């Protein structure tokens, strides 16, 4: 996995755990990793943008 994706996912999970719960954030890690990886491979290489997209995805899907 690319470092950009790893960095983005770590930031997403850390932020999500502050907003909701650490256990819930860890449950979502695999799903958000796949989502962010897909975005990365379609051309989105900006870590900050990937974090925003990942958090938006989780919020829309679960809250």
PDB file of N, CA and C in Angstrom:
ATOM      1  N   UNK A   1       0.848  -1.178   0.000  1.00  0.00           N
ATOM      2  CA  UNK A   1       0.000   0.000   0.000  1.00  0.00           C
ATOM      3  C   UNK A   1       0.893   1.240   0.000  1.00  0.00           C
ATOM      4  N   UNK A   2       0.446   2.251  -0.656  1.00  0.00           N
ATOM      5  CA  UNK A   2       1.203   3.485  -0.776  1.00  0.00           C
ATOM      6  C   UNK A   2       1.219   4.244   0.548  1.00  0.00           C
ATOM      7  N   UNK A   3       2.302   4.939   0.802  1.00  0.00           N
ATOM      8  CA  UNK A   3       2.449   5.724   2.024  1.00  0.00           C
ATOM      9  C   UNK A   3       1.373   6.801   2.131  1.00  0.00           C
ATOM     10  N   UNK A   4       0.992   7.395   1.016  1.00  0.00           N
ATOM     11  CA  UNK A   4      -0.064   8.421   1.017  1.00  0.00           C
ATOM     12  C   UNK A   4      -1.355   7.822   1.558  1.00  0.00           C
ATOM     13  N   UNK A   5      -1.703   6.646   1.105  1.00  0.00           N
ATOM     14  CA  UNK A   5      -2.923   5.971   1.552  1.00  0.00           C
ATOM     15  C   UNK A   5      -2.814   5.622   3.031  1.00  0.00           C
ATOM     16  N   UNK A   6      -1.682   5.076   3.442  1.00  0.00           N
ATOM     17  CA  UNK A   6      -1.491   4.715   4.851  1.00  0.00           C
ATOM     18  C   UNK A   6      -1.623   5.936   5.756  1.00  0.00           C
ATOM     19  N   UNK A   7      -1.002   7.024   5.354  1.00  0.00           N
ATOM     20  CA  UNK A   7      -1.067   8.265   6.129  1.00  0.00           C
ATOM     21  C   UNK A   7      -2.500   8.770   6.215  1.00  0.00           C
ATOM     22  N   UNK A   8      -3.192   8.780   5.091  1.00  0.00           N
ATOM     23  CA  UNK A   8      -4.578   9.250   5.066  1.00  0.00           C
ATOM     24  C   UNK A   8      -5.467   8.381   5.948  1.00  0.00           C
ATOM     25  N   UNK A   9      -5.330   7.075   5.844  1.00  0.00           N
ATOM     26  CA  UNK A   9      -6.169   6.165   6.634  1.00  0.00           C
ATOM     27  C   UNK A   9      -5.898   6.347   8.128  1.00  0.00           C
ATOM     28  N   UNK A  10      -4.665   6.492   8.504  1.00  0.00           N
ATOM     29  CA  UNK A  10      -4.333   6.716   9.916  1.00  0.00           C
ATOM     30  C   UNK A  10      -4.998   7.987  10.422  1.00  0.00           C
ATOM     31  N   UNK A  11      -4.921   9.038   9.658  1.00  0.00           N
ATOM     32  CA  UNK A  11      -5.548  10.306  10.056  1.00  0.00           C
ATOM     33  C   UNK A  11      -7.064  10.177  10.108  1.00  0.00           C
ATOM     34  N   UNK A  12      -7.646   9.462   9.155  1.00  0.00           N
ATOM     35  CA  UNK A  12      -9.100   9.252   9.139  1.00  0.00           C
ATOM     36  C   UNK A  12      -9.536   8.498  10.390  1.00  0.00           C
ATOM     37  N   UNK A  13      -8.872   7.400  10.673  1.00  0.00           N
ATOM     38  CA  UNK A  13      -9.244   6.573  11.829  1.00  0.00           C
ATOM     39  C   UNK A  13      -9.048   7.353  13.132  1.00  0.00           C
ATOM     40  N   UNK A  14      -7.955   8.093  13.245  1.00  0.00           N
ATOM     41  CA  UNK A  14      -7.717   8.895  14.451  1.00  0.00           C
ATOM     42  C   UNK A  14      -8.810   9.952  14.633  1.00  0.00           C
ATOM     43  N   UNK A  15      -9.149  10.639  13.584  1.00  0.00           N
ATOM     44  CA  UNK A  15     -10.182  11.677  13.649  1.00  0.00           C
ATOM     45  C   UNK A  15     -11.547  11.076  13.934  1.00  0.00           C
ATOM     46  N   UNK A  16     -11.867  10.001  13.249  1.00  0.00           N
ATOM     47  CA  UNK A  16     -13.157   9.336  13.438  1.00  0.00           C
ATOM     48  C   UNK A  16     -13.287   8.835  14.875  1.00  0.00           C
ATOM     49  N   UNK A  17     -12.207   8.350  15.442  1.00  0.00           N
ATOM     50  CA  UNK A  17     -12.265   7.854  16.825  1.00  0.00           C
ATOM     51  C   UNK A  17     -12.506   8.996  17.814  1.00  0.00           C
ATOM     52  N   UNK A  18     -12.038  10.183  17.509  1.00  0.00           N
ATOM     53  CA  UNK A  18     -12.307  11.335  18.367  1.00  0.00           C
ATOM     54  C   UNK A  18     -13.765  11.783  18.256  1.00  0.00           C
ATOM     55  N   UNK A  19     -14.337  11.608  17.081  1.00  0.00           N
ATOM     56  CA  UNK A  19     -15.719  12.031  16.858  1.00  0.00           C
ATOM     57  C   UNK A  19     -16.719  11.020  17.404  1.00  0.00           C
ATOM     58  N   UNK A  20     -16.399   9.755  17.337  1.00  0.00           N
ATOM     59  CA  UNK A  20     -17.339   8.714  17.732  1.00  0.00           C
ATOM     60  C   UNK A  20     -16.698   7.814  18.785  1.00  0.00           C
ATOM     61  N   UNK A  21     -16.054   6.736  18.395  1.00  0.00           N
ATOM     62  CA  UNK A  21     -15.356   5.886  19.369  1.00  0.00           C
ATOM     63  C   UNK A  21     -14.203   5.175  18.685  1.00  0.00           C
ATOM     64  N   UNK A  22     -13.205   4.851  19.477  1.00  0.00           N
ATOM     65  CA  UNK A  22     -12.029   4.169  18.930  1.00  0.00           C
ATOM     66  C   UNK A  22     -12.402   2.793  18.396  1.00  0.00           C
ATOM     67  N   UNK A  23     -13.268   2.095  19.096  1.00  0.00           N
ATOM     68  CA  UNK A  23     -13.680   0.753  18.654  1.00  0.00           C
ATOM     69  C   UNK A  23     -14.411   0.826  17.317  1.00  0.00           C
ATOM     70  N   UNK A  24     -15.291   1.794  17.184  1.00  0.00           N
ATOM     71  CA  UNK A  24     -16.023   1.955  15.925  1.00  0.00           C
ATOM     72  C   UNK A  24     -15.068   2.334  14.795  1.00  0.00           C
ATOM     73  N   UNK A  25     -14.120   3.202  15.084  1.00  0.00           N
ATOM     74  CA  UNK A  25     -13.142   3.609  14.074  1.00  0.00           C
ATOM     75  C   UNK A  25     -12.343   2.416  13.575  1.00  0.00           C
ATOM     76  N   UNK A  26     -11.911   1.558  14.492  1.00  0.00           N
ATOM     77  CA  UNK A  26     -11.146   0.374  14.097  1.00  0.00           C
ATOM     78  C   UNK A  26     -11.996  -0.600  13.273  1.00  0.00           C
ATOM     79  N   UNK A  27     -13.275  -0.685  13.578  1.00  0.00           N
ATOM     80  CA  UNK A  27     -14.176  -1.540  12.797  1.00  0.00           C
ATOM     81  C   UNK A  27     -14.289  -1.056  11.361  1.00  0.00           C
ATOM     82  N   UNK A  28     -14.146   0.228  11.161  1.00  0.00           N
ATOM     83  CA  UNK A  28     -14.305   0.832   9.827  1.00  0.00           C
ATOM     84  C   UNK A  28     -13.002   0.891   9.040  1.00  0.00           C
ATOM     85  N   UNK A  29     -11.869   0.574   9.688  1.00  0.00           N
ATOM     86  CA  UNK A  29     -10.546   0.744   9.061  1.00  0.00           C
ATOM     87  C   UNK A  29     -10.433   0.033   7.711  1.00  0.00           C
ATOM     88  N   UNK A  30     -10.785  -1.241   7.621  1.00  0.00           N
ATOM     89  CA  UNK A  30     -10.636  -1.976   6.357  1.00  0.00           C
ATOM     90  C   UNK A  30     -11.477  -1.367   5.247  1.00  0.00           C
ATOM     91  N   UNK A  31     -12.705  -1.009   5.585  1.00  0.00           N
ATOM     92  CA  UNK A  31     -13.603  -0.434   4.584  1.00  0.00           C
ATOM     93  C   UNK A  31     -13.085   0.905   4.071  1.00  0.00           C
ATOM     94  N   UNK A  32     -12.661   1.768   4.980  1.00  0.00           N
ATOM     95  CA  UNK A  32     -12.180   3.082   4.547  1.00  0.00           C
ATOM     96  C   UNK A  32     -10.842   2.963   3.826  1.00  0.00           C
ATOM     97  N   UNK A  33     -10.038   1.970   4.184  1.00  0.00           N
ATOM     98  CA  UNK A  33      -8.773   1.745   3.471  1.00  0.00           C
ATOM     99  C   UNK A  33      -9.047   1.382   2.017  1.00  0.00           C
ATOM    100  N   UNK A  34      -9.988   0.512   1.781  1.00  0.00           N
ATOM    101  CA  UNK A  34     -10.343   0.145   0.401  1.00  0.00           C
ATOM    102  C   UNK A  34     -10.858   1.352  -0.370  1.00  0.00           C
ATOM    103  N   UNK A  35     -11.688   2.154   0.283  1.00  0.00           N
ATOM    104  CA  UNK A  35     -12.241   3.342  -0.368  1.00  0.00           C
ATOM    105  C   UNK A  35     -11.136   4.339  -0.736  1.00  0.00           C
ATOM    106  N   UNK A  36     -10.267   4.629   0.216  1.00  0.00           N
ATOM    107  CA  UNK A  36      -9.186   5.592  -0.019  1.00  0.00           C
ATOM    108  C   UNK A  36      -8.202   5.052  -1.057  1.00  0.00           C
ATOM    109  N   UNK A  37      -7.930   3.767  -1.002  1.00  0.00           N
ATOM    110  CA  UNK A  37      -7.042   3.156  -1.992  1.00  0.00           C
ATOM    111  C   UNK A  37      -7.618   3.310  -3.400  1.00  0.00           C
ATOM    112  N   UNK A  38      -8.917   3.111  -3.523  1.00  0.00           N
ATOM    113  CA  UNK A  38      -9.581   3.275  -4.828  1.00  0.00           C
ATOM    114  C   UNK A  38      -9.440   4.716  -5.325  1.00  0.00           C
ATOM    115  N   UNK A  39      -9.661   5.674  -4.416  1.00  0.00           N
ATOM    116  CA  UNK A  39      -9.509   7.082  -4.799  1.00  0.00           C
ATOM    117  C   UNK A  39      -8.084   7.385  -5.243  1.00  0.00           C
ATOM    118  N   UNK A  40      -7.119   6.837  -4.502  1.00  0.00           N
ATOM    119  CA  UNK A  40      -5.717   7.058  -4.837  1.00  0.00           C
ATOM    120  C   UNK A  40      -5.397   6.526  -6.230  1.00  0.00           C
ATOM    121  N   UNK A  41      -5.830   5.317  -6.533  1.00  0.00           N
ATOM    122  CA  UNK A  41      -5.512   4.704  -7.815  1.00  0.00           C
ATOM    123  C   UNK A  41      -6.284   5.310  -8.978  1.00  0.00           C
ATOM    124  N   UNK A  42      -7.309   6.115  -8.684  1.00  0.00           N
ATOM    125  CA  UNK A  42      -7.992   6.830  -9.761  1.00  0.00           C
ATOM    126  C   UNK A  42      -7.441   8.241  -9.935  1.00  0.00           C
ATOM    127  N   UNK A  43      -6.361   8.564  -9.172  1.00  0.00           N
ATOM    128  CA  UNK A  43      -5.657   9.815  -9.426  1.00  0.00           C
ATOM    129  C   UNK A  43      -5.605  10.811  -8.284  1.00  0.00           C
ATOM    130  N   UNK A  44      -6.324  10.591  -7.206  1.00  0.00           N
ATOM    131  CA  UNK A  44      -6.286  11.531  -6.079  1.00  0.00           C
ATOM    132  C   UNK A  44      -5.065  11.215  -5.215  1.00  0.00           C
ATOM    133  N   UNK A  45      -4.078  12.091  -5.243  1.00  0.00           N
ATOM    134  CA  UNK A  45      -2.838  11.837  -4.529  1.00  0.00           C
ATOM    135  C   UNK A  45      -2.599  12.803  -3.375  1.00  0.00           C
ATOM    136  N   UNK A  46      -3.517  13.727  -3.154  1.00  0.00           N
ATOM    137  CA  UNK A  46      -3.383  14.698  -2.083  1.00  0.00           C
ATOM    138  C   UNK A  46      -3.881  14.087  -0.770  1.00  0.00           C
ATOM    139  N   UNK A  47      -2.994  13.948   0.187  1.00  0.00           N
ATOM    140  CA  UNK A  47      -3.330  13.308   1.457  1.00  0.00           C
ATOM    141  C   UNK A  47      -4.497  14.011   2.155  1.00  0.00           C
ATOM    142  N   UNK A  48      -4.458  15.333   2.202  1.00  0.00           N
ATOM    143  CA  UNK A  48      -5.531  16.076   2.873  1.00  0.00           C
ATOM    144  C   UNK A  48      -6.882  15.825   2.210  1.00  0.00           C
ATOM    145  N   UNK A  49      -6.884  15.796   0.897  1.00  0.00           N
ATOM    146  CA  UNK A  49      -8.137  15.545   0.171  1.00  0.00           C
ATOM    147  C   UNK A  49      -8.638  14.129   0.448  1.00  0.00           C
ATOM    148  N   UNK A  50      -7.729  13.168   0.504  1.00  0.00           N
ATOM    149  CA  UNK A  50      -8.117  11.791   0.798  1.00  0.00           C
ATOM    150  C   UNK A  50      -8.716  11.675   2.202  1.00  0.00           C
ATOM    151  N   UNK A  51      -8.158  12.410   3.152  1.00  0.00           N
ATOM    152  CA  UNK A  51      -8.692  12.397   4.515  1.00  0.00           C
ATOM    153  C   UNK A  51     -10.114  12.943   4.527  1.00  0.00           C
ATOM    154  N   UNK A  52     -10.311  14.071   3.876  1.00  0.00           N
ATOM    155  CA  UNK A  52     -11.651  14.669   3.822  1.00  0.00           C
ATOM    156  C   UNK A  52     -12.635  13.717   3.145  1.00  0.00           C
ATOM    157  N   UNK A  53     -12.233  13.144   2.026  1.00  0.00           N
ATOM    158  CA  UNK A  53     -13.114  12.211   1.312  1.00  0.00           C
ATOM    159  C   UNK A  53     -13.431  10.986   2.155  1.00  0.00           C
ATOM    160  N   UNK A  54     -12.434  10.460   2.857  1.00  0.00           N
ATOM    161  CA  UNK A  54     -12.645   9.291   3.696  1.00  0.00           C
ATOM    162  C   UNK A  54     -13.579   9.573   4.855  1.00  0.00           C
ATOM    163  N   UNK A  55     -13.402  10.702   5.517  1.00  0.00           N
ATOM    164  CA  UNK A  55     -14.293  11.075   6.618  1.00  0.00           C
ATOM    165  C   UNK A  55     -15.710  11.331   6.125  1.00  0.00           C
ATOM    166  N   UNK A  56     -15.826  11.960   4.982  1.00  0.00           N
ATOM    167  CA  UNK A  56     -17.146  12.203   4.390  1.00  0.00           C
ATOM    168  C   UNK A  56     -17.834  10.886   4.075  1.00  0.00           C
ATOM    169  N   UNK A  57     -17.100   9.959   3.502  1.00  0.00           N
ATOM    170  CA  UNK A  57     -17.626   8.645   3.181  1.00  0.00           C
ATOM    171  C   UNK A  57     -18.168   7.949   4.435  1.00  0.00           C
ATOM    172  N   UNK A  58     -17.382   7.946   5.507  1.00  0.00           N
ATOM    173  CA  UNK A  58     -17.820   7.294   6.739  1.00  0.00           C
ATOM    174  C   UNK A  58     -19.023   7.982   7.360  1.00  0.00           C
ATOM    175  N   UNK A  59     -19.015   9.290   7.343  1.00  0.00           N
ATOM    176  CA  UNK A  59     -20.145  10.033   7.920  1.00  0.00           C
ATOM    177  C   UNK A  59     -21.434   9.747   7.158  1.00  0.00           C
ATOM    178  N   UNK A  60     -21.364   9.747   5.831  1.00  0.00           N
ATOM    179  CA  UNK A  60     -22.553   9.481   5.017  1.00  0.00           C
ATOM    180  C   UNK A  60     -23.027   8.046   5.186  1.00  0.00           C
ATOM    181  N   UNK A  61     -22.125   7.156   5.334  1.00  0.00           N
ATOM    182  CA  UNK A  61     -22.466   5.739   5.415  1.00  0.00           C
ATOM    183  C   UNK A  61     -22.981   5.319   6.792  1.00  0.00           C
ATOM    184  N   UNK A  62     -22.471   5.922   7.851  1.00  0.00           N
ATOM    185  CA  UNK A  62     -22.773   5.441   9.200  1.00  0.00           C
ATOM    186  C   UNK A  62     -23.436   6.458  10.132  1.00  0.00           C
ATOM    187  N   UNK A  63     -23.536   7.720   9.748  1.00  0.00           N
ATOM    188  CA  UNK A  63     -24.127   8.686  10.686  1.00  0.00           C
ATOM    189  C   UNK A  63     -25.012   9.657   9.980  1.00  0.00           C
TER     190      UNK A  63
END
